[in-house]
Protein backbone atom coordinates (compact mmCIF):
# COMPACT_ATOMS: atom_id res chain seq x y z
CA MET A 1 -12.37 195.48 31.95
CA THR A 2 -10.54 195.03 28.67
CA PHE A 3 -8.86 191.93 30.02
CA LEU A 4 -12.22 190.43 30.97
CA PHE A 5 -13.58 191.23 27.50
CA LEU A 6 -10.62 189.49 25.89
CA MET A 7 -11.11 186.50 28.17
CA ALA A 8 -14.75 186.24 27.12
CA ILE A 9 -13.77 186.41 23.45
CA ALA A 10 -10.96 183.89 23.89
CA PHE A 11 -13.39 181.54 25.64
CA LEU A 12 -16.01 181.80 22.86
CA PRO A 13 -14.68 178.86 20.78
CA PHE A 14 -15.54 176.43 23.59
CA PRO A 15 -19.27 177.30 23.78
CA THR A 16 -19.28 177.41 19.98
CA LEU A 17 -17.95 173.85 19.88
CA LEU A 18 -20.58 172.73 22.38
CA LEU A 19 -23.27 174.44 20.35
CA GLY A 20 -22.09 172.73 17.20
CA GLU A 21 -22.08 169.31 18.83
CA TYR A 22 -25.22 169.66 20.96
CA LYS A 23 -27.33 172.34 19.28
CA ASN A 24 -30.57 170.74 20.46
CA GLN A 25 -29.47 170.81 24.10
CA GLN A 26 -30.55 173.72 26.25
CA ILE A 27 -27.31 173.88 28.23
CA SER A 28 -25.20 174.52 25.11
CA VAL A 29 -27.52 177.34 24.03
CA ILE A 30 -27.38 178.88 27.52
CA PHE A 31 -23.60 178.53 27.67
CA TYR A 32 -23.07 180.24 24.32
CA ALA A 33 -25.66 182.97 24.90
CA THR A 34 -24.24 183.78 28.33
CA ASP A 35 -20.70 184.13 27.01
CA ALA A 36 -21.85 186.24 24.07
CA ALA A 37 -23.96 188.48 26.34
CA VAL A 38 -21.09 188.96 28.79
CA ALA A 39 -18.67 189.80 25.96
CA SER A 40 -21.13 192.29 24.50
CA LEU A 41 -21.79 193.94 27.87
CA LEU A 42 -18.07 194.24 28.51
CA LEU A 43 -17.47 195.78 25.08
CA THR A 44 -20.26 198.29 25.65
CA SER A 45 -18.85 199.17 29.06
CA ILE A 46 -15.38 199.68 27.57
CA SER A 47 -16.86 202.04 25.00
CA TRP A 48 -18.80 203.91 27.69
CA TYR A 49 -15.67 204.23 29.84
CA ALA A 50 -13.68 205.59 26.91
CA ARG A 51 -16.31 208.25 26.23
CA ARG A 52 -16.95 209.19 29.86
CA GLY A 53 -15.21 212.48 30.52
CA HIS A 54 -13.68 212.26 27.01
CA ARG A 55 -10.91 210.10 28.41
CA LEU A 56 -10.06 208.26 25.21
CA VAL A 57 -12.12 210.02 22.57
CA PRO A 58 -11.94 213.48 21.00
CA THR A 59 -13.82 216.27 22.75
CA ASP A 60 -15.88 217.05 19.65
CA ILE A 61 -17.60 213.65 19.58
CA ASP A 62 -21.38 213.81 19.05
CA GLU A 63 -22.82 212.82 22.45
CA GLU A 64 -26.25 211.98 21.06
CA GLN A 65 -24.71 209.60 18.52
CA ALA A 66 -22.55 208.06 21.25
CA ARG A 67 -25.61 207.39 23.43
CA LEU A 68 -27.37 205.81 20.44
CA ARG A 69 -24.38 203.49 19.91
CA THR A 70 -24.50 202.53 23.59
CA ALA A 71 -28.20 201.70 23.30
CA GLN A 72 -27.51 199.63 20.20
CA GLY A 73 -24.70 197.85 22.03
CA LEU A 74 -27.00 197.02 24.92
CA ALA A 75 -29.57 195.51 22.56
CA VAL A 76 -27.20 192.64 21.74
CA PRO A 77 -27.03 191.16 25.26
CA VAL A 78 -30.79 191.66 25.58
CA VAL A 79 -31.31 189.38 22.56
CA PHE A 80 -28.94 186.76 23.97
CA LEU A 81 -30.52 186.88 27.43
CA LEU A 82 -33.96 186.63 25.85
CA SER A 83 -32.78 183.55 23.97
CA ILE A 84 -31.88 181.93 27.30
CA VAL A 85 -35.47 182.37 28.44
CA ILE A 86 -36.74 181.01 25.12
CA SER A 87 -34.44 177.98 25.42
CA PHE A 88 -36.56 176.70 28.32
CA TRP A 89 -39.33 176.07 25.80
CA SER A 90 -37.28 175.24 22.72
CA PRO A 91 -33.50 175.38 22.22
CA GLU A 92 -34.02 175.42 18.45
CA ILE A 93 -36.25 178.51 18.58
CA ALA A 94 -33.69 180.12 20.88
CA LEU A 95 -31.08 179.66 18.16
CA TYR A 96 -33.37 181.28 15.61
CA SER A 97 -34.02 184.18 17.99
CA TRP A 98 -30.43 185.25 17.39
CA LEU A 99 -31.57 186.37 13.94
CA LEU A 100 -33.06 189.36 15.74
CA LEU A 101 -29.48 190.66 15.91
CA LEU A 102 -29.81 191.49 12.21
CA VAL A 103 -32.43 194.13 12.97
CA THR A 104 -31.50 195.42 16.42
CA ASP A 105 -29.39 198.36 15.18
CA PRO A 106 -32.05 199.69 12.79
CA LEU A 107 -34.84 199.12 15.34
CA VAL A 108 -32.98 200.84 18.17
CA GLY A 109 -32.06 203.69 15.80
CA TRP A 110 -35.68 204.07 14.72
CA ALA A 111 -36.92 204.01 18.33
CA TRP A 112 -34.22 206.51 19.31
CA ARG A 113 -35.18 208.98 16.58
CA SER A 114 -38.90 208.64 17.21
CA SER A 115 -38.48 209.31 20.94
CA SER A 116 -36.42 212.46 20.38
C-alpha cells in the first residue's frame, strides 16, 4: 500500500503539468483529481492500517480522535471526486471547487462534534 501511495505521489507532477498547460480542458482536471484522490485514499488507508490493532501506533492513542482524522482524510478524495463531476459542466469551476479543501477539516470536525 505504501508503495502504491508513493507511486501516486511520484506521478503527480505529470497531471500537474497537464493541468498547467491545459487548465480549461476537462481531461486534465479529471487526470489530476483522480491522481490526487487515489493518493489521498491510499494515505488514509495506510493510516488506518497503522492504527488497526495498534500495529504501528502506541496503545494509548485516542480512538475517537483517530476516527475523526480518518473522516477528515476521507473528505479530501470526496472533494476531488466531486470536482470530476463538476468538470462535466465547467472545468474552471471544478478547479475552484478544490478551494473546499481549505474548510474540509473544520467542517468535518464540527459535524463530528455535533453528532456525538
